[in-house]
N, C-alpha and C. Protein backbone atom coordinates (compact mmCIF):
# COMPACT_ATOMS: atom_id res chain seq x y z
N MET A 1 0.94 -1.00 -0.37
CA MET A 1 0.19 -0.08 0.42
C MET A 1 0.66 1.21 0.06
N VAL A 2 0.72 1.89 -0.61
CA VAL A 2 1.18 3.48 -0.85
C VAL A 2 0.92 4.70 -0.21
N HIS A 3 1.36 4.90 0.79
CA HIS A 3 0.50 6.40 1.71
C HIS A 3 1.04 7.50 1.04
N HIS A 4 0.02 8.71 0.84
CA HIS A 4 0.48 10.07 0.17
C HIS A 4 0.43 10.91 1.14
N ASP A 5 0.78 11.92 1.30
CA ASP A 5 0.17 13.28 2.07
C ASP A 5 -0.57 13.58 1.70
N PHE A 6 -1.42 14.75 1.78
CA PHE A 6 -2.28 15.41 0.86
C PHE A 6 -1.90 16.91 2.06
N LEU A 7 -2.03 18.36 0.94
CA LEU A 7 -1.85 19.51 2.25
C LEU A 7 -3.25 20.07 1.45
N PHE A 8 -3.47 21.06 2.18
CA PHE A 8 -4.66 21.66 1.99
C PHE A 8 -4.54 22.91 2.47
N ILE A 9 -4.66 23.68 1.43
CA ILE A 9 -4.82 24.95 1.35
C ILE A 9 -6.21 25.72 1.34
N SER A 10 -6.20 26.97 1.65
CA SER A 10 -7.47 27.56 1.45
C SER A 10 -6.52 29.05 0.89
N LEU A 11 -7.26 29.62 -0.27
CA LEU A 11 -7.01 31.08 -0.52
C LEU A 11 -7.90 31.44 -1.02
N HIS A 12 -8.46 32.90 -0.76
CA HIS A 12 -9.22 33.65 -1.17
C HIS A 12 -10.45 32.91 -1.46
N ASN A 13 -10.75 31.86 -0.51
CA ASN A 13 -12.41 31.11 -0.86
C ASN A 13 -11.80 29.83 -2.07
N HIS A 14 -11.14 29.72 -2.07
CA HIS A 14 -10.85 28.59 -2.93
C HIS A 14 -9.95 27.44 -1.96
N GLN A 15 -10.57 26.13 -2.98
CA GLN A 15 -9.83 25.76 -1.85
C GLN A 15 -8.90 24.88 -2.98
N PHE A 16 -7.88 23.94 -2.44
CA PHE A 16 -6.67 23.25 -2.99
C PHE A 16 -6.26 22.34 -1.98
N PHE A 17 -6.02 20.96 -3.00
CA PHE A 17 -5.58 19.81 -2.41
C PHE A 17 -4.51 19.06 -2.94
N ILE A 18 -3.43 19.55 -2.70
CA ILE A 18 -1.91 19.13 -3.45
C ILE A 18 -1.15 17.92 -2.69
N LEU A 19 -1.30 16.76 -3.93
CA LEU A 19 -0.93 15.78 -3.75
C LEU A 19 0.94 15.70 -3.24
N MET A 20 1.27 15.32 -2.31
CA MET A 20 2.87 15.44 -1.38
C MET A 20 3.70 14.81 -2.10
N SER A 21 4.84 14.52 -2.91
CA SER A 21 5.56 13.91 -3.04
C SER A 21 6.05 13.07 -1.97
N ASP A 22 6.19 12.23 -2.56
CA ASP A 22 7.24 10.99 -1.30
C ASP A 22 8.60 11.25 -1.77
N LYS A 23 9.05 11.56 -2.51
CA LYS A 23 10.43 12.00 -3.16
C LYS A 23 11.20 12.88 -2.13
N GLN A 24 12.41 12.85 -1.46
CA GLN A 24 12.94 13.50 -0.38
C GLN A 24 14.01 14.37 -1.20
N TYR A 25 13.80 15.60 -1.07
CA TYR A 25 15.43 16.58 -1.84
C TYR A 25 16.07 16.26 -0.43
N ASP A 26 17.18 16.96 -1.47
CA ASP A 26 18.56 17.24 -0.30
C ASP A 26 18.76 19.00 -0.08
N SER A 27 17.81 19.97 -0.27
CA SER A 27 17.76 21.25 -1.01
C SER A 27 16.45 22.01 -0.60
N VAL A 28 16.65 23.31 -0.22
CA VAL A 28 15.22 23.86 -0.46
C VAL A 28 15.46 25.37 -1.33
N LEU A 29 13.94 25.49 -1.65
CA LEU A 29 14.25 26.50 -2.80
C LEU A 29 14.83 27.92 -2.05
N VAL A 30 15.58 28.69 -2.42
CA VAL A 30 15.90 30.13 -1.70
C VAL A 30 15.19 31.08 -2.88
N GLY A 31 15.66 32.28 -2.15
CA GLY A 31 15.57 33.76 -2.72
C GLY A 31 14.56 33.93 -4.12
N TYR A 32 14.93 35.22 -5.06
CA TYR A 32 14.44 35.21 -5.78
C TYR A 32 14.93 35.05 -6.91
N VAL A 33 14.73 34.49 -8.00
CA VAL A 33 15.60 34.22 -9.39
C VAL A 33 14.85 34.89 -10.73
N ASP A 34 16.15 35.68 -11.42
CA ASP A 34 15.47 36.48 -12.50
C ASP A 34 15.75 35.46 -13.56
N GLU A 35 14.86 35.38 -14.86
CA GLU A 35 14.82 34.87 -15.40
C GLU A 35 16.45 34.96 -17.19
N PRO A 36 16.65 33.54 -17.28
CA PRO A 36 18.17 33.69 -17.58
C PRO A 36 17.83 34.57 -18.91
N ARG A 37 19.42 35.50 -19.15
CA ARG A 37 19.59 36.17 -20.32
C ARG A 37 20.11 35.67 -21.58
N TYR A 38 19.37 35.31 -22.57
CA TYR A 38 20.02 34.63 -23.85
C TYR A 38 21.12 36.34 -24.65
N TYR A 39 22.11 35.57 -25.14
CA TYR A 39 22.75 36.12 -26.37
C TYR A 39 22.72 35.21 -27.21
N GLU A 40 22.51 35.84 -28.55
CA GLU A 40 22.47 35.28 -29.56
C GLU A 40 22.17 33.46 -29.63
N GLY A 41 21.01 33.63 -28.68
CA GLY A 41 20.52 32.10 -28.50
C GLY A 41 21.29 31.12 -28.05
N GLU A 42 22.07 31.71 -26.90
CA GLU A 42 22.94 30.75 -26.12
C GLU A 42 23.05 31.36 -24.65
N LEU A 43 22.78 30.68 -23.76
CA LEU A 43 22.44 31.10 -22.53
C LEU A 43 23.91 31.97 -21.91
N GLY A 44 23.11 33.39 -21.70
CA GLY A 44 24.10 34.28 -21.22
C GLY A 44 24.63 33.99 -19.73
N ASN A 45 23.79 34.18 -19.04
CA ASN A 45 23.39 34.56 -17.16
C ASN A 45 22.37 34.57 -16.96
N TRP A 46 22.31 34.12 -15.71
CA TRP A 46 20.88 34.95 -14.96
C TRP A 46 21.32 34.73 -12.96
N SER A 47 20.85 35.68 -12.45
CA SER A 47 20.54 35.69 -11.55
C SER A 47 20.06 35.64 -10.58
N PHE A 48 20.15 35.80 -9.21
CA PHE A 48 19.24 35.38 -7.92
C PHE A 48 19.97 36.74 -6.84
N SER A 49 18.85 37.06 -5.61
CA SER A 49 18.74 38.04 -5.15
C SER A 49 18.36 37.38 -3.60
N MET A 50 18.66 37.70 -2.52
CA MET A 50 18.10 37.85 -1.12
C MET A 50 18.29 38.50 -0.20
N THR A 51 17.52 38.55 0.68
CA THR A 51 17.28 40.09 1.71
C THR A 51 18.45 39.28 2.67
N VAL A 52 18.18 40.45 3.37
CA VAL A 52 19.50 39.81 4.59
C VAL A 52 19.08 39.28 5.23
N ASP A 53 18.10 38.82 5.65
CA ASP A 53 17.40 37.83 6.44
C ASP A 53 17.32 36.81 5.96
N GLU A 54 16.80 36.53 4.33
CA GLU A 54 16.78 34.73 3.60
C GLU A 54 18.58 35.04 3.81
N LEU A 55 19.53 35.86 3.56
CA LEU A 55 20.90 35.37 3.93
C LEU A 55 21.43 34.80 5.33
N GLN A 56 21.03 35.60 6.48
CA GLN A 56 21.28 34.94 7.59
C GLN A 56 20.63 33.88 8.01
N ASP A 57 19.55 33.63 7.24
CA ASP A 57 18.77 31.97 7.40
C ASP A 57 20.00 30.73 6.85
N VAL A 58 20.33 31.47 5.62
CA VAL A 58 20.86 30.11 4.93
C VAL A 58 22.51 30.45 5.88
N ILE A 59 23.03 31.07 6.30
CA ILE A 59 24.18 30.89 7.24
C ILE A 59 24.07 30.45 8.47
N ASN A 60 22.59 30.54 8.72
CA ASN A 60 22.87 30.10 10.25
C ASN A 60 22.45 28.33 9.80
N ASN A 61 21.56 28.12 8.98
CA ASN A 61 20.99 26.47 8.81
C ASN A 61 21.61 25.78 7.74
N TYR A 62 22.22 26.74 7.04
CA TYR A 62 22.62 25.70 5.79
C TYR A 62 24.14 25.59 5.35
N ALA A 63 24.93 26.67 6.09
CA ALA A 63 26.26 26.55 5.65
C ALA A 63 26.58 25.52 6.38
N SER A 64 27.72 25.40 5.87
CA SER A 64 28.82 23.67 6.07
C SER A 64 29.79 24.42 7.34
N LYS A 65 30.11 24.05 8.74
CA LYS A 65 30.98 24.57 9.74
C LYS A 65 31.92 25.00 9.43
N VAL A 66 32.68 25.31 10.13
CA VAL A 66 33.98 26.54 9.59
C VAL A 66 34.86 25.35 10.74
N GLN A 67 35.66 24.73 10.13
CA GLN A 67 36.64 24.01 10.67
C GLN A 67 37.83 25.22 11.67
N GLU A 68 38.62 24.82 11.79
CA GLU A 68 40.01 24.82 13.21
C GLU A 68 40.98 25.90 12.13
N ASP A 69 40.67 25.09 10.86
CA ASP A 69 41.84 25.48 9.87
C ASP A 69 41.89 26.73 9.19
N GLY A 70 39.93 27.06 9.62
CA GLY A 70 39.62 28.09 8.43
C GLY A 70 38.99 27.87 7.65
N LYS A 71 39.37 26.74 7.07
CA LYS A 71 37.88 25.65 5.51
C LYS A 71 36.85 25.59 6.15
N GLY A 72 35.75 25.79 5.33
CA GLY A 72 34.30 25.37 5.54
C GLY A 72 33.64 27.02 5.67
N GLY A 73 32.53 26.30 6.31
CA GLY A 73 31.16 27.85 5.86
C GLY A 73 31.15 28.13 4.61
N LYS A 74 30.40 26.86 3.91
CA LYS A 74 30.14 27.21 2.85
C LYS A 74 28.80 26.88 2.58
N ALA A 75 28.05 27.48 1.79
CA ALA A 75 26.57 27.15 1.09
C ALA A 75 27.09 27.06 -0.16
N TYR A 76 26.12 25.45 -0.67
CA TYR A 76 26.21 25.52 -1.71
C TYR A 76 24.91 25.41 -2.45
N PHE A 77 24.65 26.91 -3.26
CA PHE A 77 23.84 27.26 -4.01
C PHE A 77 23.63 26.19 -5.39
N LYS A 78 22.03 26.43 -6.40
CA LYS A 78 22.19 25.74 -7.70
C LYS A 78 21.19 26.46 -8.24
N LEU A 79 21.94 27.17 -9.51
CA LEU A 79 20.40 27.77 -9.90
C LEU A 79 20.16 26.51 -11.12
N PHE A 80 18.91 26.53 -11.32
CA PHE A 80 18.53 25.79 -12.59
C PHE A 80 16.68 25.86 -12.86
N MET A 81 16.50 25.30 -13.80
CA MET A 81 15.01 25.50 -14.44
C MET A 81 14.06 24.27 -14.18
N SER A 82 12.74 24.44 -13.68
CA SER A 82 12.18 24.15 -12.81
C SER A 82 11.22 23.05 -14.16
N LYS A 83 11.05 22.05 -13.75
CA LYS A 83 10.41 20.83 -14.81
C LYS A 83 8.89 21.84 -15.73
N ASN A 84 8.41 22.65 -15.14
CA ASN A 84 7.71 23.82 -16.18
C ASN A 84 8.20 24.88 -16.40
N GLY A 85 9.65 25.38 -16.74
CA GLY A 85 10.21 26.23 -17.18
C GLY A 85 10.78 27.52 -16.59
N LYS A 86 10.65 27.35 -15.28
CA LYS A 86 11.02 28.72 -14.44
C LYS A 86 12.15 28.70 -13.54
N ALA A 87 13.01 29.65 -13.63
CA ALA A 87 14.29 29.96 -13.02
C ALA A 87 14.11 29.71 -11.35
N CYS A 88 14.88 28.88 -11.08
CA CYS A 88 15.11 28.71 -9.58
C CYS A 88 16.12 28.89 -8.77
N CYS A 89 16.48 28.26 -7.70
CA CYS A 89 17.14 28.66 -6.71
C CYS A 89 17.30 27.76 -5.70
N SER A 90 17.86 26.94 -5.41
CA SER A 90 17.86 26.02 -3.63
C SER A 90 19.54 25.83 -3.72
N VAL A 91 19.37 26.02 -2.35
CA VAL A 91 20.36 25.53 -1.18
C VAL A 91 20.94 24.21 -0.61
N TYR A 92 22.11 23.98 -0.29
CA TYR A 92 21.85 22.26 -0.32
C TYR A 92 21.56 22.36 1.14
N ASN A 93 20.64 21.30 2.11
CA ASN A 93 20.38 21.46 3.13
C ASN A 93 21.18 19.87 3.72
N PRO A 94 22.45 20.40 4.42
CA PRO A 94 23.03 18.95 4.87
C PRO A 94 22.24 18.02 6.42
N HIS A 95 20.86 18.64 6.40
CA HIS A 95 19.96 18.33 7.58
C HIS A 95 18.78 17.73 7.23
N SER A 96 18.37 17.82 5.80
CA SER A 96 17.51 17.43 5.21
C SER A 96 17.82 15.60 5.73
N GLU A 97 16.52 14.66 5.44
CA GLU A 97 16.45 13.66 5.17
C GLU A 97 17.16 12.73 3.98
N ALA A 98 16.86 13.10 2.95
CA ALA A 98 17.70 12.62 2.06
C ALA A 98 19.14 13.14 2.05
N ALA A 99 19.64 13.97 2.30
CA ALA A 99 21.29 14.22 2.62
C ALA A 99 21.70 13.18 3.84
N LYS A 100 21.04 12.87 4.63
CA LYS A 100 21.65 12.24 6.01
C LYS A 100 21.45 10.88 5.39
N ALA A 101 20.76 10.34 4.72
CA ALA A 101 20.20 8.91 3.90
C ALA A 101 21.11 8.58 2.77
N ARG A 102 21.72 9.57 2.06
CA ARG A 102 23.05 9.85 1.31
C ARG A 102 24.41 9.79 1.72
N ARG A 103 24.18 10.04 3.04
CA ARG A 103 25.98 10.11 3.96
C ARG A 103 25.80 8.91 4.19
N ALA A 104 24.76 8.10 4.58
CA ALA A 104 24.97 6.84 5.41
C ALA A 104 24.92 5.92 4.55
N ASP A 105 24.33 6.03 3.04
CA ASP A 105 24.80 5.07 1.84
C ASP A 105 26.48 4.95 1.56
N LYS A 106 26.95 6.25 1.41
CA LYS A 106 27.78 6.36 0.83
C LYS A 106 28.66 5.74 2.09
N LYS A 107 28.82 5.89 3.38
CA LYS A 107 29.61 5.34 4.73
C LYS A 107 29.39 3.93 4.37
N ALA A 108 28.22 3.34 4.23
CA ALA A 108 28.09 2.06 3.95
C ALA A 108 28.90 1.41 3.01
N LYS A 109 28.57 2.10 1.92
CA LYS A 109 29.86 1.48 0.45
C LYS A 109 30.88 1.54 0.46
N GLN A 110 31.99 2.60 1.59
CA GLN A 110 32.78 2.77 1.81
C GLN A 110 33.77 1.59 2.47
N ALA A 111 32.44 1.22 4.09
CA ALA A 111 32.90 0.09 4.66
C ALA A 111 32.86 -1.29 4.09
N GLU A 112 31.86 -1.22 3.34
CA GLU A 112 32.04 -2.69 2.25
C GLU A 112 33.23 -2.57 1.27
N ALA A 113 34.16 -1.41 0.99
CA ALA A 113 35.33 -1.57 -0.08
C ALA A 113 36.03 -1.91 0.77
N VAL A 114 36.16 -1.09 1.71
CA VAL A 114 37.16 -1.88 2.80
C VAL A 114 37.32 -3.32 2.96
N GLY A 115 36.28 -3.84 3.58
CA GLY A 115 36.06 -5.02 3.74
C GLY A 115 36.08 -6.22 2.66
N ASP A 116 35.90 -5.60 1.17
CA ASP A 116 36.15 -6.22 0.26
C ASP A 116 38.21 -6.56 -0.13
N ASP A 117 38.97 -5.82 0.49
CA ASP A 117 39.94 -5.77 0.57
C ASP A 117 41.21 -6.43 1.48
N LEU A 118 40.21 -7.03 2.35
CA LEU A 118 40.99 -7.79 3.19
C LEU A 118 41.58 -9.13 2.65
N PRO A 119 42.26 -10.27 2.98
CA PRO A 119 42.76 -11.28 2.19
C PRO A 119 41.84 -12.06 2.57
N PHE A 120 40.99 -12.49 3.34
CA PHE A 120 40.07 -13.54 3.90
C PHE A 120 39.14 -13.34 3.99
């Protein structure tokens, strides 16, 4: 049996039911993204902006820890086009369930690789 969650929204006397995906993501959408600019038919560039509060939220919640040697303290952004053709920006969320699962899988594969090298 497949279990789906539903999100109910009431907006201006209109009611919407949205089927929530079972897919887990390792990032969250952030900021405002401009439409891409094309030059002579080729993608030129596009940009995104954030308020100071949004930027502080990214620093507090999604940036990697700064190590003793000063390395780290990074937030990983991705600019992409959504399935419906809208420009979007996401930031990697290392605390998401998908990110935790990916790290656990990677760790398990590394443990298997170490175990495979044993002569017995």
